[in-house]
Amino acid sequence: MKRARVLAVLLMSGSLVSGRAAGGEAPLSGFKTDLLASMDDAAKKLVELAQAMPADKYGWRPAPGVRSVSEVYMHVAAGNYLLPSFFGVARPEGMDRTLEQKVTDKTQVVEALQKSIAHARAAVQNFPDADLDKKAKFFGRETTERWLLIQLNSHMHEHLGQSIAYARVNGVAPPWSEGPPPKSTSN
């Protein structure tokens, strides 16, 4: 019954019919609507997990030469700036691949992650539908701008999975999951 009421309200407000995003932004295509929903899911979970991870674990890494907790989150942030630059969205000053090593404090990492997510989200919202099939180059590879948008989303999801593994190894259950992480059987 509750679901039917929500659907009725959305239909009456025109949200579903017009394709308008929340907040009255410009209409979005079906592709961009779906893409943003998937990005929002990954973004919410990444931020929640970054906030749940203790600050003293931000330097933890599973092995030498592998990204630390803070480096993974900052890698996602750097990607959220880098990928849109391939379809013409300028990166803010100082936002580059060196972010991973520069920013390691939990509070700064979470803030940088949130800002990068807002940047990536705006890049998708403002992306012209007419350019989806436009040719693009990605590190010498011929592709489309649609593929770049998909990579932006999949990059966030890829490192969300990595971050979940890092959290669980360190005894942190993802906030959206049920129950504590499984106990280790090894010593």
N, C-alpha and C. Protein backbone atom coordinates (compact mmCIF):
# COMPACT_ATOMS: atom_id res chain seq x y z
N MET A 1 0.82 -1.19 0.00
CA MET A 1 0.00 0.00 0.00
C MET A 1 0.87 1.26 0.00
N LYS A 2 1.92 1.26 0.83
CA LYS A 2 2.81 2.41 0.91
C LYS A 2 3.48 2.67 -0.44
N ARG A 3 3.90 1.60 -1.10
CA ARG A 3 4.55 1.73 -2.41
C ARG A 3 3.60 2.35 -3.43
N ALA A 4 2.35 1.93 -3.40
CA ALA A 4 1.36 2.47 -4.33
C ALA A 4 1.16 3.97 -4.10
N ARG A 5 1.18 4.40 -2.84
CA ARG A 5 1.03 5.81 -2.52
C ARG A 5 2.21 6.62 -3.05
N VAL A 6 3.42 6.10 -2.86
CA VAL A 6 4.61 6.78 -3.35
C VAL A 6 4.56 6.90 -4.86
N LEU A 7 4.19 5.81 -5.55
CA LEU A 7 4.08 5.83 -7.00
C LEU A 7 3.05 6.87 -7.45
N ALA A 8 1.92 6.93 -6.77
CA ALA A 8 0.89 7.90 -7.12
C ALA A 8 1.40 9.33 -6.96
N VAL A 9 2.11 9.59 -5.87
CA VAL A 9 2.66 10.93 -5.64
C VAL A 9 3.67 11.29 -6.73
N LEU A 10 4.53 10.34 -7.09
CA LEU A 10 5.51 10.60 -8.14
C LEU A 10 4.84 10.88 -9.48
N LEU A 11 3.81 10.10 -9.80
CA LEU A 11 3.10 10.32 -11.06
C LEU A 11 2.40 11.68 -11.06
N MET A 12 1.77 12.03 -9.93
CA MET A 12 1.07 13.32 -9.86
C MET A 12 2.05 14.48 -9.94
N SER A 13 3.24 14.30 -9.37
CA SER A 13 4.22 15.40 -9.40
C SER A 13 4.88 15.51 -10.77
N GLY A 14 4.70 14.49 -11.59
CA GLY A 14 5.30 14.52 -12.92
C GLY A 14 6.72 14.00 -12.96
N SER A 15 7.26 13.55 -11.81
CA SER A 15 8.65 13.09 -11.76
C SER A 15 8.90 11.93 -12.70
N LEU A 16 8.03 10.96 -12.70
CA LEU A 16 8.25 9.80 -13.55
C LEU A 16 7.92 10.10 -15.01
N VAL A 17 6.92 10.90 -15.22
CA VAL A 17 6.50 11.19 -16.58
C VAL A 17 7.50 12.09 -17.29
N SER A 18 7.99 13.12 -16.60
CA SER A 18 8.87 14.08 -17.25
C SER A 18 10.32 13.64 -17.27
N GLY A 19 10.68 12.69 -16.42
CA GLY A 19 12.07 12.27 -16.34
C GLY A 19 12.92 13.27 -15.56
N ARG A 20 12.28 14.17 -14.84
CA ARG A 20 13.03 15.15 -14.06
C ARG A 20 13.69 14.48 -12.86
N ALA A 21 14.91 14.89 -12.61
CA ALA A 21 15.63 14.41 -11.43
C ALA A 21 15.14 15.16 -10.21
N ALA A 22 15.46 14.67 -9.03
CA ALA A 22 15.09 15.34 -7.79
C ALA A 22 15.69 16.73 -7.79
N GLY A 23 14.98 17.69 -7.22
CA GLY A 23 15.49 19.05 -7.13
C GLY A 23 15.21 19.89 -8.36
N GLY A 24 14.50 19.35 -9.34
CA GLY A 24 14.11 20.13 -10.50
C GLY A 24 15.20 20.36 -11.52
N GLU A 25 16.25 19.51 -11.52
CA GLU A 25 17.29 19.66 -12.52
C GLU A 25 16.70 19.39 -13.91
N ALA A 26 17.51 19.61 -14.91
CA ALA A 26 17.09 19.37 -16.29
C ALA A 26 16.68 17.91 -16.46
N PRO A 27 15.77 17.64 -17.40
CA PRO A 27 15.37 16.25 -17.63
C PRO A 27 16.57 15.39 -17.99
N LEU A 28 16.55 14.16 -17.52
CA LEU A 28 17.63 13.23 -17.79
C LEU A 28 17.12 12.11 -18.69
N SER A 29 18.03 11.60 -19.51
CA SER A 29 17.66 10.45 -20.34
C SER A 29 17.53 9.22 -19.47
N GLY A 30 16.92 8.19 -19.99
CA GLY A 30 16.82 6.93 -19.26
C GLY A 30 18.18 6.40 -18.89
N PHE A 31 19.15 6.49 -19.83
CA PHE A 31 20.50 6.02 -19.55
C PHE A 31 21.11 6.78 -18.39
N LYS A 32 21.05 8.11 -18.43
CA LYS A 32 21.67 8.90 -17.37
C LYS A 32 20.95 8.73 -16.05
N THR A 33 19.65 8.55 -16.08
CA THR A 33 18.90 8.31 -14.85
C THR A 33 19.37 7.01 -14.20
N ASP A 34 19.49 5.97 -15.00
CA ASP A 34 19.97 4.67 -14.48
C ASP A 34 21.41 4.77 -14.01
N LEU A 35 22.23 5.45 -14.78
CA LEU A 35 23.64 5.59 -14.42
C LEU A 35 23.78 6.33 -13.09
N LEU A 36 23.06 7.43 -12.94
CA LEU A 36 23.13 8.20 -11.69
C LEU A 36 22.63 7.39 -10.50
N ALA A 37 21.60 6.59 -10.70
CA ALA A 37 21.09 5.76 -9.60
C ALA A 37 22.17 4.77 -9.15
N SER A 38 22.86 4.17 -10.10
CA SER A 38 23.93 3.23 -9.77
C SER A 38 25.11 3.95 -9.13
N MET A 39 25.47 5.11 -9.66
CA MET A 39 26.55 5.90 -9.07
C MET A 39 26.20 6.34 -7.66
N ASP A 40 24.96 6.78 -7.46
CA ASP A 40 24.53 7.22 -6.13
C ASP A 40 24.61 6.10 -5.11
N ASP A 41 24.26 4.88 -5.55
CA ASP A 41 24.35 3.72 -4.66
C ASP A 41 25.80 3.49 -4.24
N ALA A 42 26.70 3.46 -5.19
CA ALA A 42 28.12 3.24 -4.88
C ALA A 42 28.65 4.39 -4.03
N ALA A 43 28.30 5.61 -4.38
CA ALA A 43 28.80 6.78 -3.67
C ALA A 43 28.37 6.78 -2.21
N LYS A 44 27.11 6.50 -1.98
CA LYS A 44 26.58 6.47 -0.61
C LYS A 44 27.33 5.42 0.22
N LYS A 45 27.52 4.26 -0.36
CA LYS A 45 28.20 3.18 0.35
C LYS A 45 29.68 3.50 0.57
N LEU A 46 30.34 4.08 -0.43
CA LEU A 46 31.74 4.45 -0.26
C LEU A 46 31.91 5.45 0.89
N VAL A 47 31.06 6.47 0.92
CA VAL A 47 31.16 7.49 1.96
C VAL A 47 30.83 6.87 3.33
N GLU A 48 29.78 6.07 3.41
CA GLU A 48 29.42 5.44 4.69
C GLU A 48 30.56 4.55 5.19
N LEU A 49 31.19 3.81 4.28
CA LEU A 49 32.28 2.93 4.68
C LEU A 49 33.51 3.73 5.08
N ALA A 50 33.80 4.79 4.34
CA ALA A 50 34.93 5.66 4.68
C ALA A 50 34.73 6.26 6.07
N GLN A 51 33.50 6.63 6.39
CA GLN A 51 33.20 7.20 7.71
C GLN A 51 33.26 6.14 8.81
N ALA A 52 32.89 4.91 8.49
CA ALA A 52 32.87 3.84 9.49
C ALA A 52 34.26 3.30 9.81
N MET A 53 35.17 3.40 8.87
CA MET A 53 36.53 2.88 9.06
C MET A 53 37.26 3.76 10.07
N PRO A 54 37.84 3.16 11.11
CA PRO A 54 38.57 3.96 12.11
C PRO A 54 39.75 4.70 11.48
N ALA A 55 40.00 5.90 11.96
CA ALA A 55 41.08 6.74 11.43
C ALA A 55 42.43 6.03 11.51
N ASP A 56 42.62 5.24 12.55
CA ASP A 56 43.92 4.57 12.71
C ASP A 56 44.12 3.43 11.71
N LYS A 57 43.09 3.09 10.94
CA LYS A 57 43.19 2.05 9.91
C LYS A 57 43.41 2.64 8.52
N TYR A 58 43.41 3.95 8.40
CA TYR A 58 43.55 4.57 7.09
C TYR A 58 44.92 4.32 6.45
N GLY A 59 45.91 3.97 7.23
CA GLY A 59 47.22 3.63 6.69
C GLY A 59 47.40 2.15 6.42
N TRP A 60 46.39 1.34 6.79
CA TRP A 60 46.48 -0.11 6.62
C TRP A 60 46.47 -0.47 5.14
N ARG A 61 47.30 -1.44 4.78
CA ARG A 61 47.31 -1.97 3.42
C ARG A 61 47.49 -3.49 3.53
N PRO A 62 46.89 -4.25 2.62
CA PRO A 62 46.95 -5.71 2.73
C PRO A 62 48.33 -6.30 2.47
N ALA A 63 49.17 -5.57 1.77
CA ALA A 63 50.53 -6.05 1.47
C ALA A 63 51.34 -4.86 0.99
N PRO A 64 52.67 -4.97 1.07
CA PRO A 64 53.51 -3.88 0.55
C PRO A 64 53.21 -3.64 -0.93
N GLY A 65 53.19 -2.37 -1.30
CA GLY A 65 52.97 -2.02 -2.70
C GLY A 65 51.51 -1.99 -3.12
N VAL A 66 50.60 -2.32 -2.22
CA VAL A 66 49.17 -2.29 -2.50
C VAL A 66 48.58 -1.04 -1.84
N ARG A 67 47.59 -0.43 -2.46
CA ARG A 67 47.01 0.79 -1.91
C ARG A 67 46.52 0.59 -0.47
N SER A 68 46.75 1.63 0.34
CA SER A 68 46.23 1.66 1.70
C SER A 68 44.75 2.05 1.65
N VAL A 69 44.09 2.01 2.80
CA VAL A 69 42.68 2.41 2.89
C VAL A 69 42.51 3.82 2.35
N SER A 70 43.32 4.78 2.86
CA SER A 70 43.16 6.16 2.39
C SER A 70 43.48 6.29 0.91
N GLU A 71 44.47 5.54 0.44
CA GLU A 71 44.84 5.61 -0.98
C GLU A 71 43.72 5.10 -1.89
N VAL A 72 42.99 4.10 -1.45
CA VAL A 72 41.87 3.60 -2.26
C VAL A 72 40.80 4.68 -2.39
N TYR A 73 40.43 5.30 -1.26
CA TYR A 73 39.39 6.34 -1.33
C TYR A 73 39.86 7.53 -2.16
N MET A 74 41.13 7.90 -2.03
CA MET A 74 41.64 9.02 -2.81
C MET A 74 41.82 8.64 -4.28
N HIS A 75 42.06 7.38 -4.56
CA HIS A 75 42.11 6.91 -5.94
C HIS A 75 40.73 7.06 -6.59
N VAL A 76 39.69 6.72 -5.85
CA VAL A 76 38.32 6.91 -6.35
C VAL A 76 38.08 8.39 -6.61
N ALA A 77 38.48 9.24 -5.65
CA ALA A 77 38.30 10.68 -5.81
C ALA A 77 39.04 11.18 -7.06
N ALA A 78 40.28 10.75 -7.24
CA ALA A 78 41.04 11.18 -8.41
C ALA A 78 40.36 10.72 -9.70
N GLY A 79 39.84 9.49 -9.70
CA GLY A 79 39.12 8.98 -10.87
C GLY A 79 37.86 9.76 -11.17
N ASN A 80 37.20 10.23 -10.11
CA ASN A 80 35.98 11.02 -10.30
C ASN A 80 36.27 12.36 -10.96
N TYR A 81 37.51 12.81 -10.88
CA TYR A 81 37.93 14.02 -11.58
C TYR A 81 38.54 13.70 -12.94
N LEU A 82 39.31 12.63 -13.00
CA LEU A 82 40.02 12.29 -14.24
C LEU A 82 39.06 11.84 -15.35
N LEU A 83 38.19 10.88 -15.07
CA LEU A 83 37.34 10.33 -16.12
C LEU A 83 36.48 11.39 -16.82
N PRO A 84 35.82 12.31 -16.10
CA PRO A 84 35.06 13.34 -16.81
C PRO A 84 35.94 14.26 -17.66
N SER A 85 37.22 14.36 -17.32
CA SER A 85 38.10 15.22 -18.13
C SER A 85 38.26 14.68 -19.55
N PHE A 86 38.05 13.39 -19.74
CA PHE A 86 38.14 12.81 -21.08
C PHE A 86 36.97 13.23 -21.97
N PHE A 87 35.88 13.72 -21.37
CA PHE A 87 34.80 14.25 -22.20
C PHE A 87 34.59 15.74 -21.95
N GLY A 88 35.69 16.42 -21.57
CA GLY A 88 35.69 17.87 -21.57
C GLY A 88 35.37 18.57 -20.27
N VAL A 89 35.18 17.87 -19.18
CA VAL A 89 34.90 18.52 -17.89
C VAL A 89 36.24 18.79 -17.21
N ALA A 90 36.51 20.05 -16.97
CA ALA A 90 37.80 20.43 -16.38
C ALA A 90 37.92 19.93 -14.94
N ARG A 91 39.12 19.47 -14.62
CA ARG A 91 39.43 19.08 -13.24
C ARG A 91 39.74 20.33 -12.44
N PRO A 92 39.30 20.38 -11.19
CA PRO A 92 39.69 21.51 -10.34
C PRO A 92 41.21 21.53 -10.16
N GLU A 93 41.74 22.69 -9.94
CA GLU A 93 43.18 22.87 -9.73
C GLU A 93 43.69 21.92 -8.64
N GLY A 94 44.79 21.24 -8.94
CA GLY A 94 45.43 20.36 -7.96
C GLY A 94 44.82 18.98 -7.83
N MET A 95 43.80 18.69 -8.62
CA MET A 95 43.15 17.37 -8.55
C MET A 95 43.77 16.46 -9.60
N ASP A 96 44.67 15.61 -9.15
CA ASP A 96 45.33 14.70 -10.08
C ASP A 96 45.66 13.40 -9.36
N ARG A 97 46.41 12.55 -10.02
CA ARG A 97 46.72 11.22 -9.49
C ARG A 97 47.56 11.25 -8.21
N THR A 98 48.21 12.36 -7.94
CA THR A 98 49.04 12.42 -6.74
C THR A 98 48.21 12.58 -5.46
N LEU A 99 46.90 12.75 -5.62
CA LEU A 99 46.02 12.87 -4.44
C LEU A 99 46.17 11.67 -3.51
N GLU A 100 46.39 10.51 -4.09
CA GLU A 100 46.47 9.29 -3.28
C GLU A 100 47.52 9.39 -2.18
N GLN A 101 48.65 9.98 -2.48
CA GLN A 101 49.72 10.08 -1.51
C GLN A 101 49.64 11.36 -0.68
N LYS A 102 49.01 12.40 -1.22
CA LYS A 102 48.96 13.70 -0.55
C LYS A 102 47.96 13.74 0.61
N VAL A 103 46.81 13.12 0.45
CA VAL A 103 45.74 13.24 1.43
C VAL A 103 45.55 11.89 2.12
N THR A 104 45.84 11.84 3.43
CA THR A 104 45.74 10.58 4.17
C THR A 104 44.91 10.70 5.45
N ASP A 105 44.64 11.91 5.91
CA ASP A 105 43.84 12.13 7.11
C ASP A 105 42.38 11.77 6.84
N LYS A 106 41.77 11.00 7.72
CA LYS A 106 40.41 10.50 7.50
C LYS A 106 39.43 11.62 7.17
N THR A 107 39.42 12.68 7.95
CA THR A 107 38.46 13.77 7.72
C THR A 107 38.65 14.38 6.34
N GLN A 108 39.91 14.60 5.96
CA GLN A 108 40.20 15.17 4.64
C GLN A 108 39.87 14.20 3.52
N VAL A 109 40.10 12.91 3.75
CA VAL A 109 39.79 11.90 2.73
C VAL A 109 38.29 11.85 2.48
N VAL A 110 37.50 11.79 3.56
CA VAL A 110 36.04 11.73 3.40
C VAL A 110 35.53 12.98 2.69
N GLU A 111 36.05 14.14 3.07
CA GLU A 111 35.64 15.39 2.42
C GLU A 111 36.01 15.39 0.94
N ALA A 112 37.23 14.96 0.63
CA ALA A 112 37.67 14.91 -0.77
C ALA A 112 36.82 13.93 -1.58
N LEU A 113 36.50 12.80 -0.98
CA LEU A 113 35.66 11.80 -1.65
C LEU A 113 34.29 12.39 -1.96
N GLN A 114 33.68 13.06 -0.97
CA GLN A 114 32.36 13.65 -1.17
C GLN A 114 32.38 14.72 -2.26
N LYS A 115 33.40 15.57 -2.26
CA LYS A 115 33.50 16.62 -3.29
C LYS A 115 33.67 16.00 -4.67
N SER A 116 34.47 14.95 -4.75
CA SER A 116 34.69 14.31 -6.06
C SER A 116 33.42 13.66 -6.57
N ILE A 117 32.64 13.11 -5.68
CA ILE A 117 31.37 12.48 -6.06
C ILE A 117 30.42 13.55 -6.62
N ALA A 118 30.36 14.69 -5.95
CA ALA A 118 29.51 15.78 -6.44
C ALA A 118 29.97 16.24 -7.83
N HIS A 119 31.28 16.30 -8.03
CA HIS A 119 31.84 16.68 -9.33
C HIS A 119 31.43 15.67 -10.41
N ALA A 120 31.61 14.39 -10.12
CA ALA A 120 31.28 13.34 -11.08
C ALA A 120 29.79 13.33 -11.40
N ARG A 121 28.98 13.51 -10.37
CA ARG A 121 27.53 13.51 -10.54
C ARG A 121 27.11 14.67 -11.45
N ALA A 122 27.66 15.84 -11.19
CA ALA A 122 27.34 17.01 -12.02
C ALA A 122 27.79 16.78 -13.46
N ALA A 123 28.94 16.14 -13.64
CA ALA A 123 29.43 15.86 -14.99
C ALA A 123 28.44 14.98 -15.76
N VAL A 124 27.87 13.99 -15.08
CA VAL A 124 26.88 13.11 -15.73
C VAL A 124 25.59 13.88 -15.99
N GLN A 125 25.11 14.63 -15.00
CA GLN A 125 23.87 15.37 -15.17
C GLN A 125 23.95 16.35 -16.34
N ASN A 126 25.10 16.98 -16.51
CA ASN A 126 25.26 18.00 -17.55
C ASN A 126 25.72 17.44 -18.89
N PHE A 127 25.94 16.15 -18.95
CA PHE A 127 26.42 15.53 -20.17
C PHE A 127 25.30 15.53 -21.22
N PRO A 128 25.57 16.05 -22.42
CA PRO A 128 24.52 16.08 -23.45
C PRO A 128 24.24 14.69 -24.03
N ASP A 129 22.99 14.30 -24.05
CA ASP A 129 22.61 13.00 -24.61
C ASP A 129 23.13 12.83 -26.03
N ALA A 130 23.18 13.92 -26.78
CA ALA A 130 23.62 13.85 -28.18
C ALA A 130 25.07 13.38 -28.30
N ASP A 131 25.84 13.48 -27.22
CA ASP A 131 27.26 13.10 -27.26
C ASP A 131 27.52 11.67 -26.80
N LEU A 132 26.50 10.92 -26.44
CA LEU A 132 26.71 9.57 -25.92
C LEU A 132 27.50 8.68 -26.88
N ASP A 133 27.23 8.79 -28.16
CA ASP A 133 27.91 7.95 -29.14
C ASP A 133 29.12 8.63 -29.79
N LYS A 134 29.45 9.81 -29.29
CA LYS A 134 30.60 10.55 -29.82
C LYS A 134 31.88 9.76 -29.53
N LYS A 135 32.77 9.73 -30.51
CA LYS A 135 34.04 9.01 -30.36
C LYS A 135 34.92 9.70 -29.33
N ALA A 136 35.68 8.89 -28.60
CA ALA A 136 36.58 9.42 -27.58
C ALA A 136 37.83 8.54 -27.53
N LYS A 137 38.88 9.10 -26.99
CA LYS A 137 40.12 8.36 -26.77
C LYS A 137 40.32 8.24 -25.27
N PHE A 138 40.70 7.05 -24.84
CA PHE A 138 40.96 6.80 -23.42
C PHE A 138 42.31 6.10 -23.33
N PHE A 139 43.34 6.86 -22.98
CA PHE A 139 44.71 6.34 -22.93
C PHE A 139 45.06 5.59 -24.22
N GLY A 140 44.74 6.24 -25.36
CA GLY A 140 45.07 5.67 -26.66
C GLY A 140 44.05 4.68 -27.21
N ARG A 141 43.08 4.31 -26.43
CA ARG A 141 42.05 3.37 -26.85
C ARG A 141 40.87 4.12 -27.46
N GLU A 142 40.41 3.70 -28.62
CA GLU A 142 39.23 4.29 -29.27
C GLU A 142 37.98 3.78 -28.57
N THR A 143 37.11 4.68 -28.15
CA THR A 143 35.88 4.30 -27.46
C THR A 143 34.82 5.36 -27.70
N THR A 144 33.78 5.35 -26.90
CA THR A 144 32.74 6.37 -26.97
C THR A 144 32.65 7.10 -25.63
N GLU A 145 32.01 8.24 -25.67
CA GLU A 145 31.81 9.00 -24.43
C GLU A 145 30.84 8.25 -23.50
N ARG A 146 29.91 7.49 -24.06
CA ARG A 146 29.03 6.66 -23.23
C ARG A 146 29.87 5.67 -22.41
N TRP A 147 30.86 5.06 -23.06
CA TRP A 147 31.74 4.11 -22.37
C TRP A 147 32.47 4.79 -21.22
N LEU A 148 32.90 6.04 -21.44
CA LEU A 148 33.58 6.78 -20.37
C LEU A 148 32.65 6.98 -19.17
N LEU A 149 31.39 7.28 -19.44
CA LEU A 149 30.42 7.43 -18.35
C LEU A 149 30.24 6.11 -17.60
N ILE A 150 30.17 5.03 -18.34
CA ILE A 150 30.02 3.71 -17.72
C ILE A 150 31.26 3.40 -16.86
N GLN A 151 32.45 3.75 -17.37
CA GLN A 151 33.68 3.52 -16.60
C GLN A 151 33.70 4.33 -15.31
N LEU A 152 33.19 5.53 -15.35
CA LEU A 152 33.11 6.36 -14.16
C LEU A 152 32.33 5.63 -13.07
N ASN A 153 31.22 5.05 -13.47
CA ASN A 153 30.38 4.29 -12.54
C ASN A 153 31.06 3.00 -12.09
N SER A 154 31.59 2.24 -13.03
CA SER A 154 32.17 0.95 -12.67
C SER A 154 33.43 1.12 -11.83
N HIS A 155 34.16 2.20 -12.02
CA HIS A 155 35.35 2.47 -11.20
C HIS A 155 34.95 2.64 -9.74
N MET A 156 33.87 3.35 -9.50
CA MET A 156 33.40 3.53 -8.12
C MET A 156 32.98 2.19 -7.52
N HIS A 157 32.26 1.39 -8.29
CA HIS A 157 31.81 0.09 -7.79
C HIS A 157 32.99 -0.86 -7.55
N GLU A 158 33.96 -0.84 -8.45
CA GLU A 158 35.14 -1.70 -8.30
C GLU A 158 35.83 -1.44 -6.97
N HIS A 159 36.05 -0.17 -6.67
CA HIS A 159 36.78 0.16 -5.45
C HIS A 159 35.89 0.13 -4.22
N LEU A 160 34.58 0.17 -4.41
CA LEU A 160 33.69 -0.11 -3.29
C LEU A 160 33.90 -1.55 -2.82
N GLY A 161 33.95 -2.48 -3.76
CA GLY A 161 34.21 -3.88 -3.41
C GLY A 161 35.53 -4.04 -2.69
N GLN A 162 36.56 -3.37 -3.18
CA GLN A 162 37.87 -3.42 -2.53
C GLN A 162 37.78 -2.87 -1.11
N SER A 163 37.06 -1.77 -0.95
CA SER A 163 36.93 -1.14 0.36
C SER A 163 36.14 -2.00 1.33
N ILE A 164 35.16 -2.73 0.83
CA ILE A 164 34.41 -3.65 1.68
C ILE A 164 35.35 -4.73 2.20
N ALA A 165 36.18 -5.28 1.33
CA ALA A 165 37.14 -6.31 1.75
C ALA A 165 38.10 -5.74 2.79
N TYR A 166 38.62 -4.54 2.55
CA TYR A 166 39.53 -3.91 3.50
C TYR A 166 38.85 -3.73 4.86
N ALA A 167 37.61 -3.26 4.83
CA ALA A 167 36.88 -3.03 6.09
C ALA A 167 36.68 -4.35 6.84
N ARG A 168 36.20 -5.35 6.16
CA ARG A 168 35.93 -6.63 6.82
C ARG A 168 37.19 -7.26 7.41
N VAL A 169 38.29 -7.18 6.70
CA VAL A 169 39.56 -7.70 7.22
C VAL A 169 39.94 -6.97 8.51
N ASN A 170 39.55 -5.72 8.60
CA ASN A 170 39.86 -4.91 9.78
C ASN A 170 38.74 -4.90 10.82
N GLY A 171 37.78 -5.82 10.68
CA GLY A 171 36.71 -5.96 11.67
C GLY A 171 35.61 -4.93 11.58
N VAL A 172 35.49 -4.26 10.45
CA VAL A 172 34.45 -3.24 10.27
C VAL A 172 33.39 -3.78 9.31
N ALA A 173 32.15 -3.86 9.81
CA ALA A 173 31.04 -4.29 8.96
C ALA A 173 30.54 -3.08 8.17
N PRO A 174 30.29 -3.25 6.88
CA PRO A 174 29.69 -2.15 6.12
C PRO A 174 28.39 -1.71 6.81
N PRO A 175 28.23 -0.41 7.02
CA PRO A 175 27.06 0.09 7.76
C PRO A 175 25.71 -0.35 7.21
N TRP A 176 25.61 -0.57 5.91
CA TRP A 176 24.34 -0.95 5.30
C TRP A 176 24.08 -2.46 5.38
N SER A 177 25.08 -3.24 5.78
CA SER A 177 24.91 -4.69 5.86
C SER A 177 24.35 -5.08 7.22
N GLU A 178 23.91 -6.29 7.31
CA GLU A 178 23.35 -6.77 8.57
C GLU A 178 24.37 -7.63 9.29
N GLY A 179 24.54 -7.33 10.56
CA GLY A 179 25.39 -8.15 11.42
C GLY A 179 26.86 -7.81 11.33
N PRO A 180 27.61 -8.35 12.26
CA PRO A 180 29.05 -8.08 12.32
C PRO A 180 29.79 -8.87 11.24
N PRO A 181 31.03 -8.48 10.97
CA PRO A 181 31.80 -9.24 10.00
C PRO A 181 32.08 -10.64 10.54
N PRO A 182 32.28 -11.62 9.66
CA PRO A 182 32.55 -12.97 10.15
C PRO A 182 33.85 -13.01 10.92
N LYS A 183 33.90 -13.85 11.96
CA LYS A 183 35.12 -13.99 12.77
C LYS A 183 36.14 -14.79 12.01
N SER A 184 37.38 -14.39 12.14
CA SER A 184 38.47 -15.08 11.47
C SER A 184 38.72 -16.42 12.15
N THR A 185 39.01 -17.44 11.36
CA THR A 185 39.31 -18.76 11.92
C THR A 185 40.80 -18.96 12.02
N SER A 186 41.59 -18.04 11.45
CA SER A 186 43.04 -18.16 11.53
C SER A 186 43.57 -17.23 12.60
N ASN A 187 44.75 -17.52 13.10
CA ASN A 187 45.35 -16.65 14.12
C ASN A 187 46.49 -15.90 13.56
